[in-house]
Amino acid sequence: MFPRDTNGHGTIFGGVLLAYIDQAGAIATRPHCDRVLTVKMNEVVFHAPVYVSDIVSFYTTVARIGRTSITIKVLVTAERWQKTDETVKVTEAEIVYVNVDEKRRPSPITRLPAIPS
């Protein structure tokens, strides 16, 4: 994270993290969807602050696939590179996206995950 992303307390703005969380979640929909729009963030929990120079990682999992919507869970960690070298969970969120066609209308999700045999 960079100094331009900090608030008056010297930590990264929550809104900056939300933007990255939304991007990470949208990328996680790619195996199933071609174009998605963010519908809502069901829950966002900020567990710990993110500092300038932290190495931030975003981990995603598909939580649910509906007819036209897909729910992604995002876990955010920060490696405290200049402080202790520890890695801490800083944020987690659940985001719902809707699969849309070229005219931005809801479209069925047809690329479903393979069922193990």
PDB file of N, CA and C in Angstrom:
ATOM      1  N   MET A   1       0.842  -1.160   0.000  1.00  0.00           N
ATOM      2  CA  MET A   1       0.000   0.000   0.000  1.00  0.00           C
ATOM      3  C   MET A   1       0.902   1.243   0.000  1.00  0.00           C
ATOM      4  N   PHE A   2       0.357   2.338  -0.470  1.00  0.00           N
ATOM      5  CA  PHE A   2       1.145   3.545  -0.668  1.00  0.00           C
ATOM      6  C   PHE A   2       0.647   4.708   0.199  1.00  0.00           C
ATOM      7  N   PRO A   3       1.512   5.688   0.448  1.00  0.00           N
ATOM      8  CA  PRO A   3       1.117   6.836   1.277  1.00  0.00           C
ATOM      9  C   PRO A   3      -0.129   7.557   0.765  1.00  0.00           C
ATOM     10  N   ARG A   4      -0.348   7.603  -0.536  1.00  0.00           N
ATOM     11  CA  ARG A   4      -1.525   8.304  -1.079  1.00  0.00           C
ATOM     12  C   ARG A   4      -2.836   7.660  -0.636  1.00  0.00           C
ATOM     13  N   ASP A   5      -2.776   6.409  -0.153  1.00  0.00           N
ATOM     14  CA  ASP A   5      -3.966   5.670   0.252  1.00  0.00           C
ATOM     15  C   ASP A   5      -4.285   5.803   1.742  1.00  0.00           C
ATOM     16  N   THR A   6      -3.533   6.656   2.454  1.00  0.00           N
ATOM     17  CA  THR A   6      -3.701   6.717   3.903  1.00  0.00           C
ATOM     18  C   THR A   6      -4.654   7.818   4.351  1.00  0.00           C
ATOM     19  N   ASN A   7      -5.227   7.568   5.511  1.00  0.00           N
ATOM     20  CA  ASN A   7      -6.078   8.567   6.158  1.00  0.00           C
ATOM     21  C   ASN A   7      -5.246   9.351   7.174  1.00  0.00           C
ATOM     22  N   GLY A   8      -5.871  10.203   7.948  1.00  0.00           N
ATOM     23  CA  GLY A   8      -5.162  11.027   8.926  1.00  0.00           C
ATOM     24  C   GLY A   8      -4.554  10.248  10.081  1.00  0.00           C
ATOM     25  N   HIS A   9      -4.923   8.989  10.220  1.00  0.00           N
ATOM     26  CA  HIS A   9      -4.381   8.143  11.291  1.00  0.00           C
ATOM     27  C   HIS A   9      -3.187   7.315  10.827  1.00  0.00           C
ATOM     28  N   GLY A  10      -2.817   7.475   9.560  1.00  0.00           N
ATOM     29  CA  GLY A  10      -1.669   6.734   9.038  1.00  0.00           C
ATOM     30  C   GLY A  10      -1.991   5.316   8.622  1.00  0.00           C
ATOM     31  N   THR A  11      -3.274   4.990   8.496  1.00  0.00           N
ATOM     32  CA  THR A  11      -3.669   3.662   8.022  1.00  0.00           C
ATOM     33  C   THR A  11      -4.379   3.811   6.675  1.00  0.00           C
ATOM     34  N   ILE A  12      -4.519   2.710   5.989  1.00  0.00           N
ATOM     35  CA  ILE A  12      -5.116   2.741   4.651  1.00  0.00           C
ATOM     36  C   ILE A  12      -6.625   2.953   4.751  1.00  0.00           C
ATOM     37  N   PHE A  13      -7.166   3.818   3.905  1.00  0.00           N
ATOM     38  CA  PHE A  13      -8.597   4.070   3.858  1.00  0.00           C
ATOM     39  C   PHE A  13      -9.360   2.767   3.635  1.00  0.00           C
ATOM     40  N   GLY A  14     -10.460   2.579   4.374  1.00  0.00           N
ATOM     41  CA  GLY A  14     -11.311   1.418   4.172  1.00  0.00           C
ATOM     42  C   GLY A  14     -11.858   1.361   2.758  1.00  0.00           C
ATOM     43  N   GLY A  15     -12.165   2.521   2.186  1.00  0.00           N
ATOM     44  CA  GLY A  15     -12.690   2.573   0.823  1.00  0.00           C
ATOM     45  C   GLY A  15     -11.700   2.073  -0.216  1.00  0.00           C
ATOM     46  N   VAL A  16     -10.424   2.302   0.017  1.00  0.00           N
ATOM     47  CA  VAL A  16      -9.394   1.778  -0.888  1.00  0.00           C
ATOM     48  C   VAL A  16      -9.415   0.254  -0.838  1.00  0.00           C
ATOM     49  N   LEU A  17      -9.487  -0.292   0.366  1.00  0.00           N
ATOM     50  CA  LEU A  17      -9.556  -1.749   0.499  1.00  0.00           C
ATOM     51  C   LEU A  17     -10.816  -2.299  -0.146  1.00  0.00           C
ATOM     52  N   LEU A  18     -11.942  -1.598   0.018  1.00  0.00           N
ATOM     53  CA  LEU A  18     -13.191  -2.058  -0.599  1.00  0.00           C
ATOM     54  C   LEU A  18     -13.063  -2.142  -2.116  1.00  0.00           C
ATOM     55  N   ALA A  19     -12.413  -1.177  -2.729  1.00  0.00           N
ATOM     56  CA  ALA A  19     -12.233  -1.198  -4.181  1.00  0.00           C
ATOM     57  C   ALA A  19     -11.411  -2.413  -4.609  1.00  0.00           C
ATOM     58  N   TYR A  20     -10.327  -2.689  -3.885  1.00  0.00           N
ATOM     59  CA  TYR A  20      -9.503  -3.860  -4.209  1.00  0.00           C
ATOM     60  C   TYR A  20     -10.258  -5.162  -3.953  1.00  0.00           C
ATOM     61  N   ILE A  21     -11.049  -5.210  -2.890  1.00  0.00           N
ATOM     62  CA  ILE A  21     -11.854  -6.400  -2.593  1.00  0.00           C
ATOM     63  C   ILE A  21     -12.838  -6.649  -3.732  1.00  0.00           C
ATOM     64  N   ASP A  22     -13.490  -5.599  -4.207  1.00  0.00           N
ATOM     65  CA  ASP A  22     -14.438  -5.734  -5.310  1.00  0.00           C
ATOM     66  C   ASP A  22     -13.746  -6.244  -6.568  1.00  0.00           C
ATOM     67  N   GLN A  23     -12.562  -5.744  -6.859  1.00  0.00           N
ATOM     68  CA  GLN A  23     -11.808  -6.202  -8.028  1.00  0.00           C
ATOM     69  C   GLN A  23     -11.411  -7.671  -7.888  1.00  0.00           C
ATOM     70  N   ALA A  24     -10.922  -8.056  -6.708  1.00  0.00           N
ATOM     71  CA  ALA A  24     -10.515  -9.450  -6.485  1.00  0.00           C
ATOM     72  C   ALA A  24     -11.707 -10.382  -6.629  1.00  0.00           C
ATOM     73  N   GLY A  25     -12.845  -9.980  -6.063  1.00  0.00           N
ATOM     74  CA  GLY A  25     -14.041 -10.799  -6.176  1.00  0.00           C
ATOM     75  C   GLY A  25     -14.499 -10.943  -7.620  1.00  0.00           C
ATOM     76  N   ALA A  26     -14.470  -9.860  -8.373  1.00  0.00           N
ATOM     77  CA  ALA A  26     -14.883  -9.910  -9.778  1.00  0.00           C
ATOM     78  C   ALA A  26     -13.971 -10.826 -10.586  1.00  0.00           C
ATOM     79  N   ILE A  27     -12.686 -10.787 -10.306  1.00  0.00           N
ATOM     80  CA  ILE A  27     -11.750 -11.679 -11.001  1.00  0.00           C
ATOM     81  C   ILE A  27     -12.083 -13.137 -10.700  1.00  0.00           C
ATOM     82  N   ALA A  28     -12.497 -13.422  -9.484  1.00  0.00           N
ATOM     83  CA  ALA A  28     -12.826 -14.799  -9.090  1.00  0.00           C
ATOM     84  C   ALA A  28     -14.059 -15.336  -9.813  1.00  0.00           C
ATOM     85  N   THR A  29     -14.879 -14.454 -10.394  1.00  0.00           N
ATOM     86  CA  THR A  29     -16.061 -14.915 -11.134  1.00  0.00           C
ATOM     87  C   THR A  29     -15.719 -15.375 -12.546  1.00  0.00           C
ATOM     88  N   ARG A  30     -14.542 -15.039 -13.031  1.00  0.00           N
ATOM     89  CA  ARG A  30     -14.177 -15.272 -14.438  1.00  0.00           C
ATOM     90  C   ARG A  30     -14.328 -16.723 -14.917  1.00  0.00           C
ATOM     91  N   PRO A  31     -14.035 -17.741 -14.105  1.00  0.00           N
ATOM     92  CA  PRO A  31     -14.244 -19.104 -14.622  1.00  0.00           C
ATOM     93  C   PRO A  31     -15.708 -19.420 -14.921  1.00  0.00           C
ATOM     94  N   HIS A  32     -16.624 -18.636 -14.379  1.00  0.00           N
ATOM     95  CA  HIS A  32     -18.044 -18.917 -14.513  1.00  0.00           C
ATOM     96  C   HIS A  32     -18.815 -17.863 -15.303  1.00  0.00           C
ATOM     97  N   CYS A  33     -18.293 -16.655 -15.380  1.00  0.00           N
ATOM     98  CA  CYS A  33     -19.021 -15.531 -15.973  1.00  0.00           C
ATOM     99  C   CYS A  33     -18.101 -14.723 -16.887  1.00  0.00           C
ATOM    100  N   ASP A  34     -18.688 -14.118 -17.909  1.00  0.00           N
ATOM    101  CA  ASP A  34     -17.907 -13.250 -18.796  1.00  0.00           C
ATOM    102  C   ASP A  34     -17.963 -11.789 -18.368  1.00  0.00           C
ATOM    103  N   ARG A  35     -19.109 -11.374 -17.835  1.00  0.00           N
ATOM    104  CA  ARG A  35     -19.287  -9.974 -17.449  1.00  0.00           C
ATOM    105  C   ARG A  35     -20.174  -9.953 -16.208  1.00  0.00           C
ATOM    106  N   VAL A  36     -19.708  -9.293 -15.161  1.00  0.00           N
ATOM    107  CA  VAL A  36     -20.505  -9.205 -13.934  1.00  0.00           C
ATOM    108  C   VAL A  36     -20.608  -7.762 -13.467  1.00  0.00           C
ATOM    109  N   LEU A  37     -21.654  -7.511 -12.707  1.00  0.00           N
ATOM    110  CA  LEU A  37     -21.835  -6.236 -12.026  1.00  0.00           C
ATOM    111  C   LEU A  37     -21.960  -6.530 -10.539  1.00  0.00           C
ATOM    112  N   THR A  38     -21.415  -5.661  -9.724  1.00  0.00           N
ATOM    113  CA  THR A  38     -21.531  -5.827  -8.280  1.00  0.00           C
ATOM    114  C   THR A  38     -22.947  -5.464  -7.857  1.00  0.00           C
ATOM    115  N   VAL A  39     -23.597  -6.372  -7.123  1.00  0.00           N
ATOM    116  CA  VAL A  39     -24.947  -6.128  -6.643  1.00  0.00           C
ATOM    117  C   VAL A  39     -24.899  -5.628  -5.208  1.00  0.00           C
ATOM    118  N   LYS A  40     -24.139  -6.313  -4.364  1.00  0.00           N
ATOM    119  CA  LYS A  40     -24.043  -5.883  -2.969  1.00  0.00           C
ATOM    120  C   LYS A  40     -22.874  -6.565  -2.276  1.00  0.00           C
ATOM    121  N   MET A  41     -22.461  -5.919  -1.213  1.00  0.00           N
ATOM    122  CA  MET A  41     -21.511  -6.524  -0.297  1.00  0.00           C
ATOM    123  C   MET A  41     -22.331  -6.899   0.933  1.00  0.00           C
ATOM    124  N   ASN A  42     -22.525  -8.208   1.120  1.00  0.00           N
ATOM    125  CA  ASN A  42     -23.340  -8.677   2.244  1.00  0.00           C
ATOM    126  C   ASN A  42     -22.732  -8.308   3.577  1.00  0.00           C
ATOM    127  N   GLU A  43     -21.431  -8.462   3.655  1.00  0.00           N
ATOM    128  CA  GLU A  43     -20.767  -8.204   4.927  1.00  0.00           C
ATOM    129  C   GLU A  43     -19.313  -7.876   4.667  1.00  0.00           C
ATOM    130  N   VAL A  44     -18.843  -6.847   5.319  1.00  0.00           N
ATOM    131  CA  VAL A  44     -17.423  -6.496   5.291  1.00  0.00           C
ATOM    132  C   VAL A  44     -17.009  -6.302   6.741  1.00  0.00           C
ATOM    133  N   VAL A  45     -15.973  -7.015   7.142  1.00  0.00           N
ATOM    134  CA  VAL A  45     -15.485  -6.907   8.510  1.00  0.00           C
ATOM    135  C   VAL A  45     -14.019  -6.477   8.452  1.00  0.00           C
ATOM    136  N   PHE A  46     -13.717  -5.377   9.131  1.00  0.00           N
ATOM    137  CA  PHE A  46     -12.342  -4.896   9.237  1.00  0.00           C
ATOM    138  C   PHE A  46     -11.801  -5.378  10.583  1.00  0.00           C
ATOM    139  N   HIS A  47     -10.856  -6.309  10.535  1.00  0.00           N
ATOM    140  CA  HIS A  47     -10.304  -6.895  11.748  1.00  0.00           C
ATOM    141  C   HIS A  47      -9.104  -6.117  12.290  1.00  0.00           C
ATOM    142  N   ALA A  48      -8.296  -5.590  11.391  1.00  0.00           N
ATOM    143  CA  ALA A  48      -7.066  -4.905  11.793  1.00  0.00           C
ATOM    144  C   ALA A  48      -6.719  -3.878  10.729  1.00  0.00           C
ATOM    145  N   PRO A  49      -5.985  -2.844  11.091  1.00  0.00           N
ATOM    146  CA  PRO A  49      -5.613  -1.828  10.098  1.00  0.00           C
ATOM    147  C   PRO A  49      -4.551  -2.335   9.126  1.00  0.00           C
ATOM    148  N   VAL A  50      -4.490  -1.654   8.000  1.00  0.00           N
ATOM    149  CA  VAL A  50      -3.436  -1.885   7.016  1.00  0.00           C
ATOM    150  C   VAL A  50      -2.567  -0.637   7.020  1.00  0.00           C
ATOM    151  N   TYR A  51      -1.257  -0.835   7.065  1.00  0.00           N
ATOM    152  CA  TYR A  51      -0.307   0.268   7.132  1.00  0.00           C
ATOM    153  C   TYR A  51       0.425   0.432   5.803  1.00  0.00           C
ATOM    154  N   VAL A  52       0.976   1.620   5.581  1.00  0.00           N
ATOM    155  CA  VAL A  52       1.842   1.844   4.432  1.00  0.00           C
ATOM    156  C   VAL A  52       2.987   0.846   4.526  1.00  0.00           C
ATOM    157  N   SER A  53       3.334   0.251   3.411  1.00  0.00           N
ATOM    158  CA  SER A  53       4.390  -0.750   3.222  1.00  0.00           C
ATOM    159  C   SER A  53       3.950  -2.159   3.556  1.00  0.00           C
ATOM    160  N   ASP A  54       2.732  -2.358   4.067  1.00  0.00           N
ATOM    161  CA  ASP A  54       2.235  -3.725   4.230  1.00  0.00           C
ATOM    162  C   ASP A  54       2.094  -4.367   2.849  1.00  0.00           C
ATOM    163  N   ILE A  55       2.360  -5.654   2.788  1.00  0.00           N
ATOM    164  CA  ILE A  55       2.110  -6.430   1.577  1.00  0.00           C
ATOM    165  C   ILE A  55       0.728  -7.049   1.754  1.00  0.00           C
ATOM    166  N   VAL A  56      -0.218  -6.636   0.927  1.00  0.00           N
ATOM    167  CA  VAL A  56      -1.610  -7.047   1.085  1.00  0.00           C
ATOM    168  C   VAL A  56      -1.940  -8.117   0.043  1.00  0.00           C
ATOM    169  N   SER A  57      -2.586  -9.203   0.507  1.00  0.00           N
ATOM    170  CA  SER A  57      -2.986 -10.301  -0.381  1.00  0.00           C
ATOM    171  C   SER A  57      -4.487 -10.521  -0.265  1.00  0.00           C
ATOM    172  N   PHE A  58      -5.100 -10.916  -1.383  1.00  0.00           N
ATOM    173  CA  PHE A  58      -6.535 -11.134  -1.463  1.00  0.00           C
ATOM    174  C   PHE A  58      -6.780 -12.580  -1.889  1.00  0.00           C
ATOM    175  N   TYR A  59      -7.528 -13.330  -1.086  1.00  0.00           N
ATOM    176  CA  TYR A  59      -7.825 -14.735  -1.356  1.00  0.00           C
ATOM    177  C   TYR A  59      -9.326 -14.879  -1.544  1.00  0.00           C
ATOM    178  N   THR A  60      -9.734 -15.546  -2.618  1.00  0.00           N
ATOM    179  CA  THR A  60     -11.154 -15.640  -2.932  1.00  0.00           C
ATOM    180  C   THR A  60     -11.628 -17.089  -2.999  1.00  0.00           C
ATOM    181  N   THR A  61     -12.900 -17.280  -2.669  1.00  0.00           N
ATOM    182  CA  THR A  61     -13.562 -18.563  -2.860  1.00  0.00           C
ATOM    183  C   THR A  61     -14.986 -18.302  -3.329  1.00  0.00           C
ATOM    184  N   VAL A  62     -15.480 -19.199  -4.149  1.00  0.00           N
ATOM    185  CA  VAL A  62     -16.875 -19.115  -4.584  1.00  0.00           C
ATOM    186  C   VAL A  62     -17.724 -19.693  -3.465  1.00  0.00           C
ATOM    187  N   ALA A  63     -18.637 -18.894  -2.946  1.00  0.00           N
ATOM    188  CA  ALA A  63     -19.501 -19.337  -1.852  1.00  0.00           C
ATOM    189  C   ALA A  63     -20.809 -19.924  -2.374  1.00  0.00           C
ATOM    190  N   ARG A  64     -21.299 -19.375  -3.491  1.00  0.00           N
ATOM    191  CA  ARG A  64     -22.594 -19.820  -4.010  1.00  0.00           C
ATOM    192  C   ARG A  64     -22.731 -19.381  -5.457  1.00  0.00           C
ATOM    193  N   ILE A  65     -23.349 -20.242  -6.257  1.00  0.00           N
ATOM    194  CA  ILE A  65     -23.704 -19.876  -7.625  1.00  0.00           C
ATOM    195  C   ILE A  65     -25.202 -20.076  -7.775  1.00  0.00           C
ATOM    196  N   GLY A  66     -25.896 -18.997  -8.118  1.00  0.00           N
ATOM    197  CA  GLY A  66     -27.329 -19.057  -8.369  1.00  0.00           C
ATOM    198  C   GLY A  66     -27.601 -19.088  -9.856  1.00  0.00           C
ATOM    199  N   ARG A  67     -28.831 -18.776 -10.242  1.00  0.00           N
ATOM    200  CA  ARG A  67     -29.183 -18.792 -11.665  1.00  0.00           C
ATOM    201  C   ARG A  67     -28.449 -17.689 -12.419  1.00  0.00           C
ATOM    202  N   THR A  68     -28.470 -16.457 -11.881  1.00  0.00           N
ATOM    203  CA  THR A  68     -27.782 -15.333 -12.537  1.00  0.00           C
ATOM    204  C   THR A  68     -26.778 -14.649 -11.620  1.00  0.00           C
ATOM    205  N   SER A  69     -26.690 -15.097 -10.368  1.00  0.00           N
ATOM    206  CA  SER A  69     -25.788 -14.425  -9.419  1.00  0.00           C
ATOM    207  C   SER A  69     -24.724 -15.392  -8.904  1.00  0.00           C
ATOM    208  N   ILE A  70     -23.645 -14.808  -8.450  1.00  0.00           N
ATOM    209  CA  ILE A  70     -22.541 -15.570  -7.884  1.00  0.00           C
ATOM    210  C   ILE A  70     -22.036 -14.809  -6.664  1.00  0.00           C
ATOM    211  N   THR A  71     -21.833 -15.540  -5.579  1.00  0.00           N
ATOM    212  CA  THR A  71     -21.363 -14.941  -4.332  1.00  0.00           C
ATOM    213  C   THR A  71     -19.929 -15.369  -4.099  1.00  0.00           C
ATOM    214  N   ILE A  72     -19.081 -14.387  -3.833  1.00  0.00           N
ATOM    215  CA  ILE A  72     -17.650 -14.614  -3.627  1.00  0.00           C
ATOM    216  C   ILE A  72     -17.262 -14.156  -2.228  1.00  0.00           C
ATOM    217  N   LYS A  73     -16.493 -14.987  -1.519  1.00  0.00           N
ATOM    218  CA  LYS A  73     -15.924 -14.586  -0.240  1.00  0.00           C
ATOM    219  C   LYS A  73     -14.480 -14.149  -0.500  1.00  0.00           C
ATOM    220  N   VAL A  74     -14.105 -13.050   0.117  1.00  0.00           N
ATOM    221  CA  VAL A  74     -12.749 -12.514  -0.047  1.00  0.00           C
ATOM    222  C   VAL A  74     -12.120 -12.357   1.334  1.00  0.00           C
ATOM    223  N   LEU A  75     -10.942 -12.925   1.491  1.00  0.00           N
ATOM    224  CA  LEU A  75     -10.153 -12.794   2.710  1.00  0.00           C
ATOM    225  C   LEU A  75      -8.937 -11.947   2.375  1.00  0.00           C
ATOM    226  N   VAL A  76      -8.670 -10.940   3.196  1.00  0.00           N
ATOM    227  CA  VAL A  76      -7.547 -10.039   2.954  1.00  0.00           C
ATOM    228  C   VAL A  76      -6.551 -10.181   4.107  1.00  0.00           C
ATOM    229  N   THR A  77      -5.293 -10.405   3.751  1.00  0.00           N
ATOM    230  CA  THR A  77      -4.237 -10.474   4.766  1.00  0.00           C
ATOM    231  C   THR A  77      -3.199  -9.393   4.485  1.00  0.00           C
ATOM    232  N   ALA A  78      -2.475  -9.034   5.520  1.00  0.00           N
ATOM    233  CA  ALA A  78      -1.387  -8.058   5.375  1.00  0.00           C
ATOM    234  C   ALA A  78      -0.139  -8.617   6.030  1.00  0.00           C
ATOM    235  N   GLU A  79       0.937  -8.593   5.284  1.00  0.00           N
ATOM    236  CA  GLU A  79       2.235  -8.970   5.828  1.00  0.00           C
ATOM    237  C   GLU A  79       2.874  -7.699   6.358  1.00  0.00           C
ATOM    238  N   ARG A  80       3.133  -7.682   7.634  1.00  0.00           N
ATOM    239  CA  ARG A  80       3.696  -6.502   8.301  1.00  0.00           C
ATOM    240  C   ARG A  80       5.200  -6.445   8.026  1.00  0.00           C
ATOM    241  N   TRP A  81       5.530  -6.133   6.807  1.00  0.00           N
ATOM    242  CA  TRP A  81       6.897  -6.225   6.320  1.00  0.00           C
ATOM    243  C   TRP A  81       7.896  -5.407   7.129  1.00  0.00           C
ATOM    244  N   GLN A  82       7.581  -4.159   7.464  1.00  0.00           N
ATOM    245  CA  GLN A  82       8.553  -3.322   8.172  1.00  0.00           C
ATOM    246  C   GLN A  82       8.389  -3.363   9.685  1.00  0.00           C
ATOM    247  N   LYS A  83       7.380  -4.051  10.181  1.00  0.00           N
ATOM    248  CA  LYS A  83       7.161  -4.033  11.624  1.00  0.00           C
ATOM    249  C   LYS A  83       7.592  -5.343  12.279  1.00  0.00           C
ATOM    250  N   THR A  84       6.970  -6.458  11.893  1.00  0.00           N
ATOM    251  CA  THR A  84       7.249  -7.716  12.588  1.00  0.00           C
ATOM    252  C   THR A  84       7.385  -8.915  11.672  1.00  0.00           C
ATOM    253  N   ASP A  85       7.203  -8.743  10.380  1.00  0.00           N
ATOM    254  CA  ASP A  85       7.181  -9.844   9.412  1.00  0.00           C
ATOM    255  C   ASP A  85       6.027 -10.815   9.638  1.00  0.00           C
ATOM    256  N   GLU A  86       5.070 -10.476  10.498  1.00  0.00           N
ATOM    257  CA  GLU A  86       3.922 -11.361  10.697  1.00  0.00           C
ATOM    258  C   GLU A  86       2.873 -11.088   9.623  1.00  0.00           C
ATOM    259  N   THR A  87       2.014 -12.077   9.387  1.00  0.00           N
ATOM    260  CA  THR A  87       0.900 -11.919   8.476  1.00  0.00           C
ATOM    261  C   THR A  87      -0.378 -11.993   9.293  1.00  0.00           C
ATOM    262  N   VAL A  88      -1.251 -11.013   9.111  1.00  0.00           N
ATOM    263  CA  VAL A  88      -2.487 -10.943   9.886  1.00  0.00           C
ATOM    264  C   VAL A  88      -3.695 -10.825   8.959  1.00  0.00           C
ATOM    265  N   LYS A  89      -4.826 -11.378   9.399  1.00  0.00           N
ATOM    266  CA  LYS A  89      -6.081 -11.202   8.677  1.00  0.00           C
ATOM    267  C   LYS A  89      -6.565  -9.793   8.976  1.00  0.00           C
ATOM    268  N   VAL A  90      -6.767  -8.984   7.935  1.00  0.00           N
ATOM    269  CA  VAL A  90      -7.176  -7.603   8.155  1.00  0.00           C
ATOM    270  C   VAL A  90      -8.634  -7.346   7.782  1.00  0.00           C
ATOM    271  N   THR A  91      -9.130  -8.035   6.775  1.00  0.00           N
ATOM    272  CA  THR A  91     -10.489  -7.791   6.312  1.00  0.00           C
ATOM    273  C   THR A  91     -11.044  -9.059   5.691  1.00  0.00           C
ATOM    274  N   GLU A  92     -12.361  -9.214   5.776  1.00  0.00           N
ATOM    275  CA  GLU A  92     -13.033 -10.258   5.016  1.00  0.00           C
ATOM    276  C   GLU A  92     -14.370  -9.716   4.554  1.00  0.00           C
ATOM    277  N   ALA A  93     -14.822 -10.217   3.417  1.00  0.00           N
ATOM    278  CA  ALA A  93     -16.062  -9.708   2.830  1.00  0.00           C
ATOM    279  C   ALA A  93     -16.745 -10.801   2.034  1.00  0.00           C
ATOM    280  N   GLU A  94     -18.047 -10.605   1.821  1.00  0.00           N
ATOM    281  CA  GLU A  94     -18.826 -11.464   0.948  1.00  0.00           C
ATOM    282  C   GLU A  94     -19.543 -10.556  -0.041  1.00  0.00           C
ATOM    283  N   ILE A  95     -19.356 -10.833  -1.325  1.00  0.00           N
ATOM    284  CA  ILE A  95     -19.867  -9.957  -2.375  1.00  0.00           C
ATOM    285  C   ILE A  95     -20.749 -10.753  -3.331  1.00  0.00           C
ATOM    286  N   VAL A  96     -21.856 -10.160  -3.723  1.00  0.00           N
ATOM    287  CA  VAL A  96     -22.747 -10.771  -4.698  1.00  0.00           C
ATOM    288  C   VAL A  96     -22.618 -10.007  -6.016  1.00  0.00           C
ATOM    289  N   TYR A  97     -22.382 -10.764  -7.086  1.00  0.00           N
ATOM    290  CA  TYR A  97     -22.312 -10.210  -8.431  1.00  0.00           C
ATOM    291  C   TYR A  97     -23.440 -10.817  -9.254  1.00  0.00           C
ATOM    292  N   VAL A  98     -23.897 -10.097 -10.265  1.00  0.00           N
ATOM    293  CA  VAL A  98     -24.863 -10.656 -11.205  1.00  0.00           C
ATOM    294  C   VAL A  98     -24.189 -10.765 -12.567  1.00  0.00           C
ATOM    295  N   ASN A  99     -24.380 -11.916 -13.184  1.00  0.00           N
ATOM    296  CA  ASN A  99     -23.878 -12.149 -14.529  1.00  0.00           C
ATOM    297  C   ASN A  99     -24.788 -11.400 -15.499  1.00  0.00           C
ATOM    298  N   VAL A 100     -24.206 -10.632 -16.422  1.00  0.00           N
ATOM    299  CA  VAL A 100     -25.015  -9.850 -17.360  1.00  0.00           C
ATOM    300  C   VAL A 100     -24.585 -10.095 -18.804  1.00  0.00           C
ATOM    301  N   ASP A 101     -25.509  -9.828 -19.721  1.00  0.00           N
ATOM    302  CA  ASP A 101     -25.205  -9.949 -21.145  1.00  0.00           C
ATOM    303  C   ASP A 101     -24.647  -8.627 -21.670  1.00  0.00           C
ATOM    304  N   GLU A 102     -24.531  -8.530 -22.993  1.00  0.00           N
ATOM    305  CA  GLU A 102     -23.944  -7.331 -23.602  1.00  0.00           C
ATOM    306  C   GLU A 102     -24.755  -6.070 -23.337  1.00  0.00           C
ATOM    307  N   LYS A 103     -26.056  -6.237 -23.068  1.00  0.00           N
ATOM    308  CA  LYS A 103     -26.916  -5.091 -22.791  1.00  0.00           C
ATOM    309  C   LYS A 103     -27.055  -4.838 -21.286  1.00  0.00           C
ATOM    310  N   ARG A 104     -26.206  -5.481 -20.510  1.00  0.00           N
ATOM    311  CA  ARG A 104     -26.178  -5.320 -19.046  1.00  0.00           C
ATOM    312  C   ARG A 104     -27.449  -5.838 -18.365  1.00  0.00           C
ATOM    313  N   ARG A 105     -28.105  -6.817 -18.990  1.00  0.00           N
ATOM    314  CA  ARG A 105     -29.273  -7.449 -18.384  1.00  0.00           C
ATOM    315  C   ARG A 105     -28.856  -8.766 -17.754  1.00  0.00           C
ATOM    316  N   PRO A 106     -29.479  -9.172 -16.629  1.00  0.00           N
ATOM    317  CA  PRO A 106     -29.124 -10.440 -15.994  1.00  0.00           C
ATOM    318  C   PRO A 106     -29.180 -11.595 -16.990  1.00  0.00           C
ATOM    319  N   SER A 107     -28.178 -12.444 -16.893  1.00  0.00           N
ATOM    320  CA  SER A 107     -28.040 -13.564 -17.818  1.00  0.00           C
ATOM    321  C   SER A 107     -27.701 -14.823 -17.018  1.00  0.00           C
ATOM    322  N   PRO A 108     -28.273 -15.971 -17.383  1.00  0.00           N
ATOM    323  CA  PRO A 108     -27.983 -17.206 -16.633  1.00  0.00           C
ATOM    324  C   PRO A 108     -26.497 -17.560 -16.652  1.00  0.00           C
ATOM    325  N   ILE A 109     -26.037 -18.088 -15.541  1.00  0.00           N
ATOM    326  CA  ILE A 109     -24.660 -18.598 -15.446  1.00  0.00           C
ATOM    327  C   ILE A 109     -24.684 -20.028 -15.951  1.00  0.00           C
ATOM    328  N   THR A 110     -23.946 -20.291 -17.021  1.00  0.00           N
ATOM    329  CA  THR A 110     -23.967 -21.614 -17.632  1.00  0.00           C
ATOM    330  C   THR A 110     -22.686 -22.407 -17.417  1.00  0.00           C
ATOM    331  N   ARG A 111     -21.595 -21.739 -17.048  1.00  0.00           N
ATOM    332  CA  ARG A 111     -20.329 -22.443 -16.795  1.00  0.00           C
ATOM    333  C   ARG A 111     -20.239 -22.771 -15.316  1.00  0.00           C
ATOM    334  N   LEU A 112     -20.807 -23.879 -14.949  1.00  0.00           N
ATOM    335  CA  LEU A 112     -20.834 -24.280 -13.539  1.00  0.00           C
ATOM    336  C   LEU A 112     -19.592 -25.109 -13.233  1.00  0.00           C
ATOM    337  N   PRO A 113     -19.211 -25.170 -11.941  1.00  0.00           N
ATOM    338  CA  PRO A 113     -18.034 -25.964 -11.582  1.00  0.00           C
ATOM    339  C   PRO A 113     -18.271 -27.443 -11.840  1.00  0.00           C
ATOM    340  N   ALA A 114     -17.207 -28.131 -12.184  1.00  0.00           N
ATOM    341  CA  ALA A 114     -17.291 -29.576 -12.418  1.00  0.00           C
ATOM    342  C   ALA A 114     -17.579 -30.295 -11.102  1.00  0.00           C
ATOM    343  N   ILE A 115     -18.402 -31.313 -11.180  1.00  0.00           N
ATOM    344  CA  ILE A 115     -18.721 -32.119 -10.003  1.00  0.00           C
ATOM    345  C   ILE A 115     -17.742 -33.278  -9.943  1.00  0.00           C
ATOM    346  N   PRO A 116     -16.978 -33.412  -8.859  1.00  0.00           N
ATOM    347  CA  PRO A 116     -16.010 -34.513  -8.777  1.00  0.00           C
ATOM    348  C   PRO A 116     -16.719 -35.860  -8.812  1.00  0.00           C
ATOM    349  N   SER A 117     -16.106 -36.809  -9.493  1.00  0.00           N
ATOM    350  CA  SER A 117     -16.730 -38.132  -9.572  1.00  0.00           C
ATOM    351  C   SER A 117     -16.074 -39.131  -8.649  1.00  0.00           C
TER     352      SER A 117
END
